[in-house]
Amino acid sequence: MPLRSPPPTLKLIAFDLDGTLWSPDMYMLWSGGSPFTKITSTLLKDTLGKDVRLLGCTGEVLDLCSSSDVVVAWVRILSQQFVFVYW
């Protein structure tokens, strides 16, 4: 019986955020936004109590990454510098 190689190690997960992971887009929350409070696996509330819905299996994927010791972060460009924000 041939030896099997171990599965490849996950090194990076990249997400397009607005409209892919959640709705509404962050600019639509006006003065609300983060930090968010988790209500259910698909519903968050922003600082003003507005609903933010995680789309599809987003919550499950983020929970799986978190429980698998995968660091989840996203990058935004601010004044030509990359800013890393961790989940």
N, C-alpha and C. Protein backbone atom coordinates (compact mmCIF):
# COMPACT_ATOMS: atom_id res chain seq x y z
N MET A 1 0.84 -1.18 0.00
CA MET A 1 0.00 0.00 0.00
C MET A 1 0.89 1.25 0.00
N PRO A 2 0.72 2.16 -0.97
CA PRO A 2 1.56 3.36 -1.03
C PRO A 2 1.24 4.33 0.11
N LEU A 3 2.25 5.01 0.57
CA LEU A 3 2.04 6.03 1.60
C LEU A 3 1.37 7.25 0.97
N ARG A 4 0.48 7.83 1.72
CA ARG A 4 -0.19 9.05 1.24
C ARG A 4 0.48 10.27 1.83
N SER A 5 0.58 11.31 1.04
CA SER A 5 1.11 12.56 1.59
C SER A 5 0.03 13.21 2.44
N PRO A 6 0.47 13.95 3.46
CA PRO A 6 -0.52 14.66 4.27
C PRO A 6 -1.20 15.74 3.42
N PRO A 7 -2.42 16.10 3.78
CA PRO A 7 -3.10 17.16 3.02
C PRO A 7 -2.33 18.47 3.15
N PRO A 8 -2.42 19.33 2.15
CA PRO A 8 -1.71 20.61 2.24
C PRO A 8 -2.24 21.44 3.41
N THR A 9 -1.35 22.22 4.00
CA THR A 9 -1.74 23.09 5.11
C THR A 9 -2.33 24.38 4.56
N LEU A 10 -3.45 24.76 5.14
CA LEU A 10 -4.10 26.00 4.74
C LEU A 10 -3.23 27.17 5.17
N LYS A 11 -2.88 28.03 4.23
CA LYS A 11 -2.01 29.17 4.54
C LYS A 11 -2.73 30.50 4.43
N LEU A 12 -3.74 30.57 3.59
CA LEU A 12 -4.40 31.84 3.38
C LEU A 12 -5.83 31.62 2.92
N ILE A 13 -6.74 32.38 3.50
CA ILE A 13 -8.11 32.46 3.00
C ILE A 13 -8.35 33.94 2.72
N ALA A 14 -8.74 34.27 1.52
CA ALA A 14 -9.01 35.66 1.16
C ALA A 14 -10.50 35.82 0.88
N PHE A 15 -11.09 36.82 1.46
CA PHE A 15 -12.51 37.10 1.26
C PHE A 15 -12.68 38.51 0.71
N ASP A 16 -13.62 38.67 -0.20
CA ASP A 16 -14.11 39.98 -0.58
C ASP A 16 -15.24 40.23 0.41
N LEU A 17 -15.21 41.31 1.14
CA LEU A 17 -16.09 41.46 2.29
C LEU A 17 -17.52 41.88 1.96
N ASP A 18 -17.74 43.14 1.62
CA ASP A 18 -19.10 43.65 1.41
C ASP A 18 -19.79 42.89 0.29
N GLY A 19 -21.01 42.44 0.56
CA GLY A 19 -21.81 41.77 -0.45
C GLY A 19 -21.39 40.33 -0.69
N THR A 20 -20.33 39.88 -0.04
CA THR A 20 -19.88 38.49 -0.16
C THR A 20 -20.02 37.78 1.17
N LEU A 21 -19.57 38.43 2.24
CA LEU A 21 -19.68 37.84 3.57
C LEU A 21 -20.89 38.35 4.33
N TRP A 22 -21.27 39.60 4.09
CA TRP A 22 -22.38 40.16 4.85
C TRP A 22 -23.15 41.19 4.05
N SER A 23 -24.29 41.55 4.60
CA SER A 23 -25.14 42.60 4.03
C SER A 23 -25.80 43.33 5.18
N PRO A 24 -25.91 44.64 5.14
CA PRO A 24 -25.57 45.55 4.06
C PRO A 24 -24.07 45.83 4.02
N ASP A 25 -23.64 46.54 2.96
CA ASP A 25 -22.26 46.99 2.88
C ASP A 25 -21.98 47.93 4.05
N MET A 26 -20.75 47.96 4.51
CA MET A 26 -20.41 48.75 5.70
C MET A 26 -20.71 50.24 5.54
N TYR A 27 -20.55 50.78 4.34
CA TYR A 27 -20.81 52.22 4.17
C TYR A 27 -22.29 52.54 4.38
N MET A 28 -23.16 51.54 4.28
CA MET A 28 -24.59 51.75 4.46
C MET A 28 -24.99 51.85 5.93
N LEU A 29 -24.09 51.54 6.83
CA LEU A 29 -24.41 51.59 8.26
C LEU A 29 -24.21 52.99 8.84
N TRP A 30 -23.74 53.92 8.03
CA TRP A 30 -23.50 55.30 8.43
C TRP A 30 -22.68 55.39 9.69
N SER A 31 -23.25 55.83 10.80
CA SER A 31 -22.42 56.03 12.00
C SER A 31 -22.38 54.80 12.90
N GLY A 32 -22.97 53.71 12.45
CA GLY A 32 -22.89 52.46 13.22
C GLY A 32 -21.58 51.76 12.90
N GLY A 33 -21.64 50.47 12.72
CA GLY A 33 -20.44 49.71 12.38
C GLY A 33 -19.90 48.93 13.56
N SER A 34 -18.62 48.64 13.51
CA SER A 34 -18.01 47.79 14.53
C SER A 34 -17.82 48.55 15.85
N PRO A 35 -17.69 47.81 16.94
CA PRO A 35 -17.71 46.36 17.04
C PRO A 35 -19.13 45.81 16.91
N PHE A 36 -19.23 44.57 16.46
CA PHE A 36 -20.51 43.91 16.25
C PHE A 36 -20.78 42.93 17.38
N THR A 37 -22.06 42.73 17.66
CA THR A 37 -22.49 41.75 18.64
C THR A 37 -23.12 40.59 17.91
N LYS A 38 -22.65 39.38 18.18
CA LYS A 38 -23.20 38.19 17.53
C LYS A 38 -24.52 37.83 18.21
N ILE A 39 -25.61 37.78 17.42
CA ILE A 39 -26.92 37.41 17.93
C ILE A 39 -27.18 35.93 17.64
N THR A 40 -27.01 35.54 16.39
CA THR A 40 -27.12 34.14 15.97
C THR A 40 -25.95 33.85 15.03
N SER A 41 -25.94 32.66 14.46
CA SER A 41 -24.84 32.32 13.54
C SER A 41 -24.90 33.12 12.25
N THR A 42 -26.03 33.77 11.98
CA THR A 42 -26.16 34.55 10.74
C THR A 42 -26.52 36.01 10.98
N LEU A 43 -26.73 36.41 12.23
CA LEU A 43 -27.16 37.78 12.52
C LEU A 43 -26.23 38.45 13.52
N LEU A 44 -25.77 39.66 13.15
CA LEU A 44 -24.98 40.50 14.04
C LEU A 44 -25.71 41.82 14.21
N LYS A 45 -25.40 42.55 15.28
CA LYS A 45 -25.92 43.91 15.47
C LYS A 45 -24.72 44.84 15.54
N ASP A 46 -24.85 46.01 14.87
CA ASP A 46 -23.76 46.98 14.96
C ASP A 46 -23.93 47.82 16.21
N THR A 47 -23.10 48.85 16.39
CA THR A 47 -23.13 49.65 17.61
C THR A 47 -24.43 50.42 17.79
N LEU A 48 -25.17 50.64 16.71
CA LEU A 48 -26.47 51.32 16.80
C LEU A 48 -27.64 50.35 16.83
N GLY A 49 -27.34 49.04 16.86
CA GLY A 49 -28.40 48.04 16.90
C GLY A 49 -28.96 47.66 15.55
N LYS A 50 -28.31 48.11 14.46
CA LYS A 50 -28.79 47.74 13.12
C LYS A 50 -28.33 46.33 12.77
N ASP A 51 -29.19 45.62 12.04
CA ASP A 51 -28.89 44.24 11.64
C ASP A 51 -27.82 44.18 10.56
N VAL A 52 -26.90 43.25 10.72
CA VAL A 52 -25.93 42.88 9.69
C VAL A 52 -26.06 41.38 9.54
N ARG A 53 -26.41 40.93 8.35
CA ARG A 53 -26.63 39.50 8.10
C ARG A 53 -25.42 38.89 7.41
N LEU A 54 -24.96 37.78 7.97
CA LEU A 54 -23.90 37.01 7.33
C LEU A 54 -24.54 36.18 6.24
N LEU A 55 -23.95 36.18 5.06
CA LEU A 55 -24.53 35.51 3.90
C LEU A 55 -24.10 34.05 3.82
N GLY A 56 -25.00 33.21 3.35
CA GLY A 56 -24.68 31.80 3.13
C GLY A 56 -24.11 31.14 4.37
N CYS A 57 -22.99 30.47 4.20
CA CYS A 57 -22.35 29.74 5.31
C CYS A 57 -21.18 30.53 5.90
N THR A 58 -21.20 31.85 5.76
CA THR A 58 -20.12 32.70 6.25
C THR A 58 -19.82 32.47 7.73
N GLY A 59 -20.85 32.47 8.57
CA GLY A 59 -20.65 32.27 10.00
C GLY A 59 -19.98 30.94 10.30
N GLU A 60 -20.42 29.89 9.62
CA GLU A 60 -19.84 28.56 9.82
C GLU A 60 -18.37 28.54 9.40
N VAL A 61 -18.07 29.18 8.27
CA VAL A 61 -16.68 29.21 7.77
C VAL A 61 -15.79 29.97 8.75
N LEU A 62 -16.23 31.12 9.24
CA LEU A 62 -15.43 31.90 10.19
C LEU A 62 -15.26 31.14 11.50
N ASP A 63 -16.33 30.48 11.97
CA ASP A 63 -16.22 29.68 13.20
C ASP A 63 -15.25 28.52 13.01
N LEU A 64 -15.31 27.86 11.86
CA LEU A 64 -14.40 26.75 11.57
C LEU A 64 -12.95 27.23 11.55
N CYS A 65 -12.71 28.37 10.91
CA CYS A 65 -11.35 28.92 10.88
C CYS A 65 -10.88 29.23 12.29
N SER A 66 -11.75 29.84 13.08
CA SER A 66 -11.40 30.22 14.44
C SER A 66 -11.10 28.99 15.30
N SER A 67 -11.91 27.94 15.16
CA SER A 67 -11.70 26.74 15.97
C SER A 67 -10.54 25.90 15.45
N SER A 68 -10.04 26.19 14.27
CA SER A 68 -8.91 25.44 13.70
C SER A 68 -7.61 26.21 13.84
N ASP A 69 -7.59 27.22 14.68
CA ASP A 69 -6.40 28.06 14.89
C ASP A 69 -5.93 28.76 13.63
N VAL A 70 -6.85 29.05 12.72
CA VAL A 70 -6.53 29.84 11.54
C VAL A 70 -6.82 31.30 11.90
N VAL A 71 -5.84 32.17 11.74
CA VAL A 71 -6.04 33.58 12.03
C VAL A 71 -6.82 34.19 10.88
N VAL A 72 -7.96 34.78 11.20
CA VAL A 72 -8.79 35.42 10.19
C VAL A 72 -8.57 36.92 10.30
N ALA A 73 -8.17 37.53 9.20
CA ALA A 73 -7.92 38.97 9.18
C ALA A 73 -8.34 39.50 7.83
N TRP A 74 -8.62 40.77 7.76
CA TRP A 74 -8.87 41.38 6.47
C TRP A 74 -8.00 42.61 6.36
N VAL A 75 -7.76 43.03 5.14
CA VAL A 75 -6.87 44.15 4.90
C VAL A 75 -7.67 45.26 4.24
N ARG A 76 -7.43 46.45 4.67
CA ARG A 76 -8.01 47.60 3.98
C ARG A 76 -6.88 48.58 3.72
N ILE A 77 -7.06 49.38 2.72
CA ILE A 77 -6.03 50.37 2.40
C ILE A 77 -6.47 51.71 2.99
N LEU A 78 -5.63 52.28 3.79
CA LEU A 78 -5.93 53.54 4.44
C LEU A 78 -4.70 54.42 4.30
N SER A 79 -4.83 55.51 3.58
CA SER A 79 -3.71 56.42 3.35
C SER A 79 -2.49 55.70 2.80
N GLN A 80 -2.73 54.79 1.84
CA GLN A 80 -1.66 54.05 1.16
C GLN A 80 -0.90 53.09 2.08
N GLN A 81 -1.44 52.79 3.26
CA GLN A 81 -0.83 51.81 4.15
C GLN A 81 -1.79 50.65 4.30
N PHE A 82 -1.27 49.45 4.40
CA PHE A 82 -2.12 48.30 4.64
C PHE A 82 -2.40 48.20 6.13
N VAL A 83 -3.66 48.08 6.48
CA VAL A 83 -4.06 47.94 7.87
C VAL A 83 -4.67 46.55 8.03
N PHE A 84 -4.15 45.73 8.92
CA PHE A 84 -4.68 44.40 9.16
C PHE A 84 -5.64 44.46 10.34
N VAL A 85 -6.83 43.94 10.15
CA VAL A 85 -7.84 43.91 11.21
C VAL A 85 -8.18 42.45 11.45
N TYR A 86 -8.06 41.99 12.69
CA TYR A 86 -8.26 40.57 13.00
C TYR A 86 -9.67 40.30 13.48
N TRP A 87 -10.22 39.14 13.09
CA TRP A 87 -11.57 38.71 13.45
C TRP A 87 -11.60 38.25 14.87
